Amino acid sequence: WVAQYQLDAAPFLLSVPAVLNAPGSVTLTVTGATPGGSVQLLYTEAGPGLTYQGAYGAYCSLTTPLSGPIRTANPVGVATYTKFLPGGFVGRTFWLQAMESGRASNWEKRTVQ
């Protein structure tokens, strides 16, 4: 059995608050992105699963992901997303992941409170 690992200079990490409250605003942060590069947030309610994202030339870990906003990483490789969660989101579970050219971040699962 052979495994292939790609070690990047910095981990490409998505940070999501431990609790998402609705109605209310939430800010998600991606670190370790390519400075000046495009970072897209993906999300799904269908759960984890391996899905090839041709636009990024890499696999994400979400089933039938939906495309969220694209942000440009700042000079130190940070991208942020702020979203208002309406009251109707209470009880819904989301899986979230960020992507940039050639790689995907960790994924996070949260149920809106």
PDB file of N, CA and C in Angstrom:
ATOM      1  N   TRP A   1       0.852  -1.165   0.000  1.00  0.00           N
ATOM      2  CA  TRP A   1       0.000   0.000   0.000  1.00  0.00           C
ATOM      3  C   TRP A   1       0.878   1.201   0.000  1.00  0.00           C
ATOM      4  N   VAL A   2       0.536   2.114  -0.847  1.00  0.00           N
ATOM      5  CA  VAL A   2       1.336   3.326  -0.999  1.00  0.00           C
ATOM      6  C   VAL A   2       0.438   4.524  -0.750  1.00  0.00           C
ATOM      7  N   ALA A   3       0.946   5.451  -0.004  1.00  0.00           N
ATOM      8  CA  ALA A   3       0.203   6.688   0.256  1.00  0.00           C
ATOM      9  C   ALA A   3       1.017   7.861  -0.269  1.00  0.00           C
ATOM     10  N   GLN A   4       0.332   8.815  -0.785  1.00  0.00           N
ATOM     11  CA  GLN A   4       0.999  10.012  -1.274  1.00  0.00           C
ATOM     12  C   GLN A   4       0.562  11.184  -0.406  1.00  0.00           C
ATOM     13  N   TYR A   5       1.520  11.909   0.094  1.00  0.00           N
ATOM     14  CA  TYR A   5       1.230  13.075   0.916  1.00  0.00           C
ATOM     15  C   TYR A   5       1.886  14.291   0.300  1.00  0.00           C
ATOM     16  N   GLN A   6       1.156  15.373   0.277  1.00  0.00           N
ATOM     17  CA  GLN A   6       1.711  16.629  -0.223  1.00  0.00           C
ATOM     18  C   GLN A   6       1.855  17.547   0.979  1.00  0.00           C
ATOM     19  N   LEU A   7       3.076  17.924   1.286  1.00  0.00           N
ATOM     20  CA  LEU A   7       3.328  18.805   2.412  1.00  0.00           C
ATOM     21  C   LEU A   7       3.435  20.232   1.898  1.00  0.00           C
ATOM     22  N   ASP A   8       2.540  21.065   2.340  1.00  0.00           N
ATOM     23  CA  ASP A   8       2.545  22.460   1.927  1.00  0.00           C
ATOM     24  C   ASP A   8       3.312  23.278   2.954  1.00  0.00           C
ATOM     25  N   ALA A   9       3.752  24.446   2.530  1.00  0.00           N
ATOM     26  CA  ALA A   9       4.502  25.318   3.423  1.00  0.00           C
ATOM     27  C   ALA A   9       3.682  25.659   4.667  1.00  0.00           C
ATOM     28  N   ALA A  10       2.410  25.900   4.495  1.00  0.00           N
ATOM     29  CA  ALA A  10       1.533  26.207   5.627  1.00  0.00           C
ATOM     30  C   ALA A  10       0.262  25.397   5.474  1.00  0.00           C
ATOM     31  N   PRO A  11      -0.310  24.915   6.579  1.00  0.00           N
ATOM     32  CA  PRO A  11      -1.577  24.193   6.472  1.00  0.00           C
ATOM     33  C   PRO A  11      -2.675  25.112   5.924  1.00  0.00           C
ATOM     34  N   PHE A  12      -3.523  24.564   5.095  1.00  0.00           N
ATOM     35  CA  PHE A  12      -4.658  25.286   4.506  1.00  0.00           C
ATOM     36  C   PHE A  12      -5.858  24.936   5.374  1.00  0.00           C
ATOM     37  N   LEU A  13      -6.223  25.821   6.300  1.00  0.00           N
ATOM     38  CA  LEU A  13      -7.211  25.497   7.326  1.00  0.00           C
ATOM     39  C   LEU A  13      -8.426  26.402   7.293  1.00  0.00           C
ATOM     40  N   LEU A  14      -9.589  25.768   7.446  1.00  0.00           N
ATOM     41  CA  LEU A  14     -10.853  26.480   7.602  1.00  0.00           C
ATOM     42  C   LEU A  14     -11.209  26.470   9.082  1.00  0.00           C
ATOM     43  N   SER A  15     -11.457  27.653   9.641  1.00  0.00           N
ATOM     44  CA  SER A  15     -11.873  27.768  11.043  1.00  0.00           C
ATOM     45  C   SER A  15     -13.320  28.222  11.081  1.00  0.00           C
ATOM     46  N   VAL A  16     -14.138  27.470  11.804  1.00  0.00           N
ATOM     47  CA  VAL A  16     -15.567  27.750  11.936  1.00  0.00           C
ATOM     48  C   VAL A  16     -15.861  27.841  13.433  1.00  0.00           C
ATOM     49  N   PRO A  17     -16.608  28.856  13.873  1.00  0.00           N
ATOM     50  CA  PRO A  17     -16.945  28.913  15.293  1.00  0.00           C
ATOM     51  C   PRO A  17     -17.590  27.605  15.757  1.00  0.00           C
ATOM     52  N   ALA A  18     -17.339  27.258  17.017  1.00  0.00           N
ATOM     53  CA  ALA A  18     -17.862  26.004  17.563  1.00  0.00           C
ATOM     54  C   ALA A  18     -19.379  25.977  17.573  1.00  0.00           C
ATOM     55  N   VAL A  19     -19.998  27.139  17.742  1.00  0.00           N
ATOM     56  CA  VAL A  19     -21.451  27.229  17.773  1.00  0.00           C
ATOM     57  C   VAL A  19     -21.910  28.259  16.741  1.00  0.00           C
ATOM     58  N   LEU A  20     -22.876  27.878  15.915  1.00  0.00           N
ATOM     59  CA  LEU A  20     -23.483  28.801  14.957  1.00  0.00           C
ATOM     60  C   LEU A  20     -24.887  29.111  15.450  1.00  0.00           C
ATOM     61  N   ASN A  21     -25.127  30.369  15.783  1.00  0.00           N
ATOM     62  CA  ASN A  21     -26.438  30.782  16.292  1.00  0.00           C
ATOM     63  C   ASN A  21     -27.233  31.525  15.231  1.00  0.00           C
ATOM     64  N   ALA A  22     -28.510  31.184  15.135  1.00  0.00           N
ATOM     65  CA  ALA A  22     -29.394  31.883  14.198  1.00  0.00           C
ATOM     66  C   ALA A  22     -30.616  32.375  14.970  1.00  0.00           C
ATOM     67  N   PRO A  23     -31.119  33.531  14.637  1.00  0.00           N
ATOM     68  CA  PRO A  23     -30.546  34.431  13.643  1.00  0.00           C
ATOM     69  C   PRO A  23     -29.295  35.104  14.188  1.00  0.00           C
ATOM     70  N   GLY A  24     -28.361  35.355  13.293  1.00  0.00           N
ATOM     71  CA  GLY A  24     -27.122  36.022  13.670  1.00  0.00           C
ATOM     72  C   GLY A  24     -26.068  35.879  12.608  1.00  0.00           C
ATOM     73  N   SER A  25     -24.989  36.612  12.769  1.00  0.00           N
ATOM     74  CA  SER A  25     -23.885  36.589  11.806  1.00  0.00           C
ATOM     75  C   SER A  25     -22.806  35.613  12.254  1.00  0.00           C
ATOM     76  N   VAL A  26     -22.145  35.032  11.291  1.00  0.00           N
ATOM     77  CA  VAL A  26     -21.028  34.128  11.549  1.00  0.00           C
ATOM     78  C   VAL A  26     -19.879  34.525  10.626  1.00  0.00           C
ATOM     79  N   THR A  27     -18.658  34.435  11.140  1.00  0.00           N
ATOM     80  CA  THR A  27     -17.478  34.690  10.318  1.00  0.00           C
ATOM     81  C   THR A  27     -16.635  33.426  10.274  1.00  0.00           C
ATOM     82  N   LEU A  28     -16.323  32.981   9.069  1.00  0.00           N
ATOM     83  CA  LEU A  28     -15.463  31.831   8.822  1.00  0.00           C
ATOM     84  C   LEU A  28     -14.127  32.360   8.337  1.00  0.00           C
ATOM     85  N   THR A  29     -13.036  31.712   8.742  1.00  0.00           N
ATOM     86  CA  THR A  29     -11.699  32.177   8.380  1.00  0.00           C
ATOM     87  C   THR A  29     -10.899  31.039   7.769  1.00  0.00           C
ATOM     88  N   VAL A  30     -10.221  31.335   6.666  1.00  0.00           N
ATOM     89  CA  VAL A  30      -9.305  30.385   6.033  1.00  0.00           C
ATOM     90  C   VAL A  30      -7.896  30.954   6.177  1.00  0.00           C
ATOM     91  N   THR A  31      -6.973  30.115   6.658  1.00  0.00           N
ATOM     92  CA  THR A  31      -5.571  30.523   6.773  1.00  0.00           C
ATOM     93  C   THR A  31      -4.709  29.579   5.937  1.00  0.00           C
ATOM     94  N   GLY A  32      -3.517  30.036   5.596  1.00  0.00           N
ATOM     95  CA  GLY A  32      -2.596  29.208   4.826  1.00  0.00           C
ATOM     96  C   GLY A  32      -2.897  29.162   3.346  1.00  0.00           C
ATOM     97  N   ALA A  33      -3.745  30.079   2.864  1.00  0.00           N
ATOM     98  CA  ALA A  33      -4.058  30.140   1.436  1.00  0.00           C
ATOM     99  C   ALA A  33      -2.906  30.823   0.691  1.00  0.00           C
ATOM    100  N   THR A  34      -2.911  30.691  -0.602  1.00  0.00           N
ATOM    101  CA  THR A  34      -1.921  31.367  -1.430  1.00  0.00           C
ATOM    102  C   THR A  34      -2.201  32.860  -1.418  1.00  0.00           C
ATOM    103  N   PRO A  35      -1.252  33.682  -0.986  1.00  0.00           N
ATOM    104  CA  PRO A  35      -1.484  35.136  -0.975  1.00  0.00           C
ATOM    105  C   PRO A  35      -1.928  35.639  -2.352  1.00  0.00           C
ATOM    106  N   GLY A  36      -3.027  36.381  -2.365  1.00  0.00           N
ATOM    107  CA  GLY A  36      -3.574  36.904  -3.612  1.00  0.00           C
ATOM    108  C   GLY A  36      -4.373  35.903  -4.416  1.00  0.00           C
ATOM    109  N   GLY A  37      -4.469  34.666  -3.934  1.00  0.00           N
ATOM    110  CA  GLY A  37      -5.193  33.618  -4.658  1.00  0.00           C
ATOM    111  C   GLY A  37      -6.678  33.615  -4.338  1.00  0.00           C
ATOM    112  N   SER A  38      -7.436  32.966  -5.215  1.00  0.00           N
ATOM    113  CA  SER A  38      -8.882  32.834  -5.021  1.00  0.00           C
ATOM    114  C   SER A  38      -9.177  31.647  -4.120  1.00  0.00           C
ATOM    115  N   VAL A  39     -10.026  31.881  -3.116  1.00  0.00           N
ATOM    116  CA  VAL A  39     -10.428  30.842  -2.167  1.00  0.00           C
ATOM    117  C   VAL A  39     -11.949  30.774  -2.199  1.00  0.00           C
ATOM    118  N   GLN A  40     -12.477  29.581  -2.442  1.00  0.00           N
ATOM    119  CA  GLN A  40     -13.933  29.424  -2.496  1.00  0.00           C
ATOM    120  C   GLN A  40     -14.421  28.568  -1.348  1.00  0.00           C
ATOM    121  N   LEU A  41     -15.520  29.004  -0.768  1.00  0.00           N
ATOM    122  CA  LEU A  41     -16.173  28.237   0.280  1.00  0.00           C
ATOM    123  C   LEU A  41     -17.181  27.301  -0.380  1.00  0.00           C
ATOM    124  N   LEU A  42     -17.158  26.027   0.008  1.00  0.00           N
ATOM    125  CA  LEU A  42     -18.133  25.039  -0.447  1.00  0.00           C
ATOM    126  C   LEU A  42     -18.920  24.573   0.762  1.00  0.00           C
ATOM    127  N   TYR A  43     -20.169  24.173   0.536  1.00  0.00           N
ATOM    128  CA  TYR A  43     -20.988  23.684   1.640  1.00  0.00           C
ATOM    129  C   TYR A  43     -21.998  22.673   1.115  1.00  0.00           C
ATOM    130  N   THR A  44     -22.508  21.859   2.031  1.00  0.00           N
ATOM    131  CA  THR A  44     -23.521  20.879   1.682  1.00  0.00           C
ATOM    132  C   THR A  44     -24.311  20.506   2.930  1.00  0.00           C
ATOM    133  N   GLU A  45     -25.499  20.006   2.716  1.00  0.00           N
ATOM    134  CA  GLU A  45     -26.268  19.396   3.804  1.00  0.00           C
ATOM    135  C   GLU A  45     -26.322  17.885   3.613  1.00  0.00           C
ATOM    136  N   ALA A  46     -25.639  17.385   2.564  1.00  0.00           N
ATOM    137  CA  ALA A  46     -25.679  15.966   2.214  1.00  0.00           C
ATOM    138  C   ALA A  46     -24.610  15.136   2.914  1.00  0.00           C
ATOM    139  N   GLY A  47     -23.691  15.767   3.620  1.00  0.00           N
ATOM    140  CA  GLY A  47     -22.675  15.025   4.360  1.00  0.00           C
ATOM    141  C   GLY A  47     -21.351  14.917   3.629  1.00  0.00           C
ATOM    142  N   PRO A  48     -20.421  14.184   4.227  1.00  0.00           N
ATOM    143  CA  PRO A  48     -19.100  14.036   3.625  1.00  0.00           C
ATOM    144  C   PRO A  48     -19.125  13.059   2.454  1.00  0.00           C
ATOM    145  N   GLY A  49     -18.178  13.223   1.555  1.00  0.00           N
ATOM    146  CA  GLY A  49     -18.035  12.356   0.398  1.00  0.00           C
ATOM    147  C   GLY A  49     -16.996  12.931  -0.537  1.00  0.00           C
ATOM    148  N   LEU A  50     -16.342  12.111  -1.278  1.00  0.00           N
ATOM    149  CA  LEU A  50     -15.269  12.550  -2.169  1.00  0.00           C
ATOM    150  C   LEU A  50     -15.855  13.037  -3.489  1.00  0.00           C
ATOM    151  N   THR A  51     -15.605  14.313  -3.834  1.00  0.00           N
ATOM    152  CA  THR A  51     -16.136  14.907  -5.061  1.00  0.00           C
ATOM    153  C   THR A  51     -15.030  15.689  -5.749  1.00  0.00           C
ATOM    154  N   TYR A  52     -14.782  15.362  -7.028  1.00  0.00           N
ATOM    155  CA  TYR A  52     -13.749  16.084  -7.776  1.00  0.00           C
ATOM    156  C   TYR A  52     -14.264  17.456  -8.183  1.00  0.00           C
ATOM    157  N   GLN A  53     -13.471  18.470  -7.936  1.00  0.00           N
ATOM    158  CA  GLN A  53     -13.794  19.845  -8.306  1.00  0.00           C
ATOM    159  C   GLN A  53     -12.854  20.269  -9.428  1.00  0.00           C
ATOM    160  N   GLY A  54     -13.319  20.106 -10.674  1.00  0.00           N
ATOM    161  CA  GLY A  54     -12.483  20.373 -11.837  1.00  0.00           C
ATOM    162  C   GLY A  54     -11.922  21.777 -11.888  1.00  0.00           C
ATOM    163  N   ALA A  55     -12.678  22.754 -11.412  1.00  0.00           N
ATOM    164  CA  ALA A  55     -12.204  24.143 -11.439  1.00  0.00           C
ATOM    165  C   ALA A  55     -10.954  24.325 -10.587  1.00  0.00           C
ATOM    166  N   TYR A  56     -10.761  23.448  -9.608  1.00  0.00           N
ATOM    167  CA  TYR A  56      -9.608  23.560  -8.718  1.00  0.00           C
ATOM    168  C   TYR A  56      -8.595  22.440  -8.913  1.00  0.00           C
ATOM    169  N   GLY A  57      -8.929  21.452  -9.740  1.00  0.00           N
ATOM    170  CA  GLY A  57      -8.006  20.348  -9.983  1.00  0.00           C
ATOM    171  C   GLY A  57      -7.721  19.541  -8.732  1.00  0.00           C
ATOM    172  N   ALA A  58      -8.735  19.403  -7.866  1.00  0.00           N
ATOM    173  CA  ALA A  58      -8.548  18.686  -6.605  1.00  0.00           C
ATOM    174  C   ALA A  58      -9.892  18.129  -6.138  1.00  0.00           C
ATOM    175  N   TYR A  59      -9.825  17.211  -5.193  1.00  0.00           N
ATOM    176  CA  TYR A  59     -11.030  16.639  -4.602  1.00  0.00           C
ATOM    177  C   TYR A  59     -11.395  17.388  -3.337  1.00  0.00           C
ATOM    178  N   CYS A  60     -12.698  17.536  -3.120  1.00  0.00           N
ATOM    179  CA  CYS A  60     -13.170  18.027  -1.829  1.00  0.00           C
ATOM    180  C   CYS A  60     -13.771  16.838  -1.097  1.00  0.00           C
ATOM    181  N   SER A  61     -14.088  17.021   0.164  1.00  0.00           N
ATOM    182  CA  SER A  61     -14.600  15.931   0.992  1.00  0.00           C
ATOM    183  C   SER A  61     -16.083  16.075   1.293  1.00  0.00           C
ATOM    184  N   LEU A  62     -16.830  16.678   0.368  1.00  0.00           N
ATOM    185  CA  LEU A  62     -18.255  16.918   0.557  1.00  0.00           C
ATOM    186  C   LEU A  62     -19.067  16.237  -0.540  1.00  0.00           C
ATOM    187  N   THR A  63     -20.253  15.745  -0.177  1.00  0.00           N
ATOM    188  CA  THR A  63     -21.173  15.169  -1.151  1.00  0.00           C
ATOM    189  C   THR A  63     -21.994  16.289  -1.779  1.00  0.00           C
ATOM    190  N   THR A  64     -22.076  16.297  -3.085  1.00  0.00           N
ATOM    191  CA  THR A  64     -22.812  17.312  -3.851  1.00  0.00           C
ATOM    192  C   THR A  64     -22.640  18.729  -3.271  1.00  0.00           C
ATOM    193  N   PRO A  65     -21.389  19.214  -3.249  1.00  0.00           N
ATOM    194  CA  PRO A  65     -21.150  20.535  -2.664  1.00  0.00           C
ATOM    195  C   PRO A  65     -21.781  21.655  -3.481  1.00  0.00           C
ATOM    196  N   LEU A  66     -22.211  22.667  -2.777  1.00  0.00           N
ATOM    197  CA  LEU A  66     -22.721  23.890  -3.396  1.00  0.00           C
ATOM    198  C   LEU A  66     -21.635  24.948  -3.307  1.00  0.00           C
ATOM    199  N   SER A  67     -21.571  25.795  -4.307  1.00  0.00           N
ATOM    200  CA  SER A  67     -20.537  26.824  -4.346  1.00  0.00           C
ATOM    201  C   SER A  67     -20.955  28.036  -3.537  1.00  0.00           C
ATOM    202  N   GLY A  68     -20.116  28.388  -2.606  1.00  0.00           N
ATOM    203  CA  GLY A  68     -20.316  29.598  -1.827  1.00  0.00           C
ATOM    204  C   GLY A  68     -19.479  30.721  -2.408  1.00  0.00           C
ATOM    205  N   PRO A  69     -19.291  31.765  -1.640  1.00  0.00           N
ATOM    206  CA  PRO A  69     -18.559  32.926  -2.140  1.00  0.00           C
ATOM    207  C   PRO A  69     -17.080  32.639  -2.375  1.00  0.00           C
ATOM    208  N   ILE A  70     -16.512  33.430  -3.269  1.00  0.00           N
ATOM    209  CA  ILE A  70     -15.071  33.393  -3.541  1.00  0.00           C
ATOM    210  C   ILE A  70     -14.470  34.647  -2.942  1.00  0.00           C
ATOM    211  N   ARG A  71     -13.359  34.476  -2.242  1.00  0.00           N
ATOM    212  CA  ARG A  71     -12.629  35.602  -1.671  1.00  0.00           C
ATOM    213  C   ARG A  71     -11.192  35.549  -2.166  1.00  0.00           C
ATOM    214  N   THR A  72     -10.532  36.692  -2.166  1.00  0.00           N
ATOM    215  CA  THR A  72      -9.115  36.768  -2.490  1.00  0.00           C
ATOM    216  C   THR A  72      -8.342  36.774  -1.177  1.00  0.00           C
ATOM    217  N   ALA A  73      -7.396  35.855  -1.047  1.00  0.00           N
ATOM    218  CA  ALA A  73      -6.591  35.786   0.168  1.00  0.00           C
ATOM    219  C   ALA A  73      -5.722  37.037   0.278  1.00  0.00           C
ATOM    220  N   ASN A  74      -5.582  37.528   1.484  1.00  0.00           N
ATOM    221  CA  ASN A  74      -4.771  38.729   1.701  1.00  0.00           C
ATOM    222  C   ASN A  74      -3.279  38.385   1.579  1.00  0.00           C
ATOM    223  N   PRO A  75      -2.375  39.355   1.744  1.00  0.00           N
ATOM    224  CA  PRO A  75      -0.945  39.089   1.565  1.00  0.00           C
ATOM    225  C   PRO A  75      -0.339  38.036   2.493  1.00  0.00           C
ATOM    226  N   VAL A  76      -1.019  37.708   3.596  1.00  0.00           N
ATOM    227  CA  VAL A  76      -0.506  36.649   4.472  1.00  0.00           C
ATOM    228  C   VAL A  76      -1.315  35.355   4.335  1.00  0.00           C
ATOM    229  N   GLY A  77      -2.175  35.270   3.310  1.00  0.00           N
ATOM    230  CA  GLY A  77      -2.890  34.036   3.016  1.00  0.00           C
ATOM    231  C   GLY A  77      -4.147  33.790   3.831  1.00  0.00           C
ATOM    232  N   VAL A  78      -4.810  34.874   4.247  1.00  0.00           N
ATOM    233  CA  VAL A  78      -6.045  34.746   5.030  1.00  0.00           C
ATOM    234  C   VAL A  78      -7.231  35.239   4.197  1.00  0.00           C
ATOM    235  N   ALA A  79      -8.318  34.485   4.226  1.00  0.00           N
ATOM    236  CA  ALA A  79      -9.576  34.880   3.577  1.00  0.00           C
ATOM    237  C   ALA A  79     -10.684  34.721   4.607  1.00  0.00           C
ATOM    238  N   THR A  80     -11.611  35.674   4.643  1.00  0.00           N
ATOM    239  CA  THR A  80     -12.710  35.594   5.605  1.00  0.00           C
ATOM    240  C   THR A  80     -14.053  35.692   4.888  1.00  0.00           C
ATOM    241  N   TYR A  81     -15.037  35.049   5.494  1.00  0.00           N
ATOM    242  CA  TYR A  81     -16.402  35.035   4.981  1.00  0.00           C
ATOM    243  C   TYR A  81     -17.319  35.390   6.135  1.00  0.00           C
ATOM    244  N   THR A  82     -18.195  36.352   5.937  1.00  0.00           N
ATOM    245  CA  THR A  82     -19.195  36.677   6.942  1.00  0.00           C
ATOM    246  C   THR A  82     -20.562  36.464   6.321  1.00  0.00           C
ATOM    247  N   LYS A  83     -21.425  35.761   7.059  1.00  0.00           N
ATOM    248  CA  LYS A  83     -22.740  35.388   6.542  1.00  0.00           C
ATOM    249  C   LYS A  83     -23.775  35.571   7.648  1.00  0.00           C
ATOM    250  N   PHE A  84     -24.930  36.093   7.277  1.00  0.00           N
ATOM    251  CA  PHE A  84     -26.044  36.174   8.216  1.00  0.00           C
ATOM    252  C   PHE A  84     -26.824  34.870   8.136  1.00  0.00           C
ATOM    253  N   LEU A  85     -27.064  34.245   9.259  1.00  0.00           N
ATOM    254  CA  LEU A  85     -27.845  33.008   9.316  1.00  0.00           C
ATOM    255  C   LEU A  85     -29.261  33.351   9.771  1.00  0.00           C
ATOM    256  N   PRO A  86     -30.256  33.177   8.901  1.00  0.00           N
ATOM    257  CA  PRO A  86     -31.637  33.481   9.283  1.00  0.00           C
ATOM    258  C   PRO A  86     -32.175  32.458  10.280  1.00  0.00           C
ATOM    259  N   GLY A  87     -33.213  32.828  10.978  1.00  0.00           N
ATOM    260  CA  GLY A  87     -33.816  31.947  11.973  1.00  0.00           C
ATOM    261  C   GLY A  87     -34.255  30.607  11.416  1.00  0.00           C
ATOM    262  N   GLY A  88     -34.605  30.561  10.134  1.00  0.00           N
ATOM    263  CA  GLY A  88     -35.036  29.320   9.501  1.00  0.00           C
ATOM    264  C   GLY A  88     -33.937  28.272   9.395  1.00  0.00           C
ATOM    265  N   PHE A  89     -32.689  28.653   9.676  1.00  0.00           N
ATOM    266  CA  PHE A  89     -31.569  27.708   9.612  1.00  0.00           C
ATOM    267  C   PHE A  89     -31.423  26.879  10.888  1.00  0.00           C
ATOM    268  N   VAL A  90     -32.133  27.238  11.942  1.00  0.00           N
ATOM    269  CA  VAL A  90     -32.010  26.506  13.208  1.00  0.00           C
ATOM    270  C   VAL A  90     -32.325  25.026  12.975  1.00  0.00           C
ATOM    271  N   GLY A  91     -31.442  24.171  13.468  1.00  0.00           N
ATOM    272  CA  GLY A  91     -31.616  22.721  13.336  1.00  0.00           C
ATOM    273  C   GLY A  91     -31.004  22.125  12.086  1.00  0.00           C
ATOM    274  N   ARG A  92     -30.610  22.950  11.134  1.00  0.00           N
ATOM    275  CA  ARG A  92     -29.997  22.430   9.901  1.00  0.00           C
ATOM    276  C   ARG A  92     -28.511  22.169  10.128  1.00  0.00           C
ATOM    277  N   THR A  93     -28.006  21.090   9.535  1.00  0.00           N
ATOM    278  CA  THR A  93     -26.599  20.723   9.658  1.00  0.00           C
ATOM    279  C   THR A  93     -25.897  20.976   8.340  1.00  0.00           C
ATOM    280  N   PHE A  94     -24.748  21.632   8.418  1.00  0.00           N
ATOM    281  CA  PHE A  94     -23.951  21.963   7.243  1.00  0.00           C
ATOM    282  C   PHE A  94     -22.543  21.406   7.387  1.00  0.00           C
ATOM    283  N   TRP A  95     -21.994  20.927   6.277  1.00  0.00           N
ATOM    284  CA  TRP A  95     -20.588  20.574   6.170  1.00  0.00           C
ATOM    285  C   TRP A  95     -19.961  21.654   5.298  1.00  0.00           C
ATOM    286  N   LEU A  96     -18.816  22.172   5.723  1.00  0.00           N
ATOM    287  CA  LEU A  96     -18.166  23.298   5.051  1.00  0.00           C
ATOM    288  C   LEU A  96     -16.715  22.961   4.742  1.00  0.00           C
ATOM    289  N   GLN A  97     -16.229  23.477   3.623  1.00  0.00           N
ATOM    290  CA  GLN A  97     -14.837  23.261   3.233  1.00  0.00           C
ATOM    291  C   GLN A  97     -14.424  24.389   2.303  1.00  0.00           C
ATOM    292  N   ALA A  98     -13.154  24.746   2.318  1.00  0.00           N
ATOM    293  CA  ALA A  98     -12.626  25.776   1.413  1.00  0.00           C
ATOM    294  C   ALA A  98     -11.734  25.104   0.375  1.00  0.00           C
ATOM    295  N   MET A  99     -11.673  25.722  -0.816  1.00  0.00           N
ATOM    296  CA  MET A  99     -10.817  25.207  -1.883  1.00  0.00           C
ATOM    297  C   MET A  99     -10.049  26.339  -2.535  1.00  0.00           C
ATOM    298  N   GLU A 100      -8.858  25.999  -2.990  1.00  0.00           N
ATOM    299  CA  GLU A 100      -8.087  26.874  -3.863  1.00  0.00           C
ATOM    300  C   GLU A 100      -7.399  25.969  -4.875  1.00  0.00           C
ATOM    301  N   SER A 101      -6.731  26.536  -5.831  1.00  0.00           N
ATOM    302  CA  SER A 101      -6.130  25.753  -6.903  1.00  0.00           C
ATOM    303  C   SER A 101      -5.262  24.624  -6.351  1.00  0.00           C
ATOM    304  N   GLY A 102      -5.652  23.397  -6.669  1.00  0.00           N
ATOM    305  CA  GLY A 102      -4.864  22.233  -6.323  1.00  0.00           C
ATOM    306  C   GLY A 102      -5.042  21.666  -4.933  1.00  0.00           C
ATOM    307  N   ARG A 103      -5.878  22.285  -4.106  1.00  0.00           N
ATOM    308  CA  ARG A 103      -6.027  21.733  -2.752  1.00  0.00           C
ATOM    309  C   ARG A 103      -7.301  22.166  -2.053  1.00  0.00           C
ATOM    310  N   ALA A 104      -7.662  21.359  -1.062  1.00  0.00           N
ATOM    311  CA  ALA A 104      -8.851  21.607  -0.254  1.00  0.00           C
ATOM    312  C   ALA A 104      -8.431  21.707   1.212  1.00  0.00           C
ATOM    313  N   SER A 105      -9.177  22.483   1.963  1.00  0.00           N
ATOM    314  CA  SER A 105      -8.928  22.607   3.400  1.00  0.00           C
ATOM    315  C   SER A 105      -9.517  21.408   4.134  1.00  0.00           C
ATOM    316  N   ASN A 106      -9.402  21.439   5.427  1.00  0.00           N
ATOM    317  CA  ASN A 106     -10.148  20.523   6.288  1.00  0.00           C
ATOM    318  C   ASN A 106     -11.631  20.818   6.106  1.00  0.00           C
ATOM    319  N   TRP A 107     -12.485  19.876   6.493  1.00  0.00           N
ATOM    320  CA  TRP A 107     -13.929  20.169   6.458  1.00  0.00           C
ATOM    321  C   TRP A 107     -14.436  20.238   7.886  1.00  0.00           C
ATOM    322  N   GLU A 108     -15.502  20.987   8.054  1.00  0.00           N
ATOM    323  CA  GLU A 108     -16.111  21.194   9.372  1.00  0.00           C
ATOM    324  C   GLU A 108     -17.607  20.931   9.272  1.00  0.00           C
ATOM    325  N   LYS A 109     -18.165  20.331  10.321  1.00  0.00           N
ATOM    326  CA  LYS A 109     -19.604  20.051  10.392  1.00  0.00           C
ATOM    327  C   LYS A 109     -20.188  20.854  11.553  1.00  0.00           C
ATOM    328  N   ARG A 110     -21.277  21.580  11.281  1.00  0.00           N
ATOM    329  CA  ARG A 110     -21.935  22.343  12.328  1.00  0.00           C
ATOM    330  C   ARG A 110     -23.447  22.248  12.158  1.00  0.00           C
ATOM    331  N   THR A 111     -24.143  22.168  13.292  1.00  0.00           N
ATOM    332  CA  THR A 111     -25.604  22.266  13.314  1.00  0.00           C
ATOM    333  C   THR A 111     -25.957  23.619  13.877  1.00  0.00           C
ATOM    334  N   VAL A 112     -26.771  24.356  13.161  1.00  0.00           N
ATOM    335  CA  VAL A 112     -27.137  25.711  13.561  1.00  0.00           C
ATOM    336  C   VAL A 112     -28.060  25.644  14.778  1.00  0.00           C
ATOM    337  N   GLN A 113     -27.744  26.428  15.767  1.00  0.00           N
ATOM    338  CA  GLN A 113     -28.516  26.492  17.024  1.00  0.00           C
ATOM    339  C   GLN A 113     -29.548  27.590  16.967  1.00  0.00           C
TER     340      GLN A 113
END
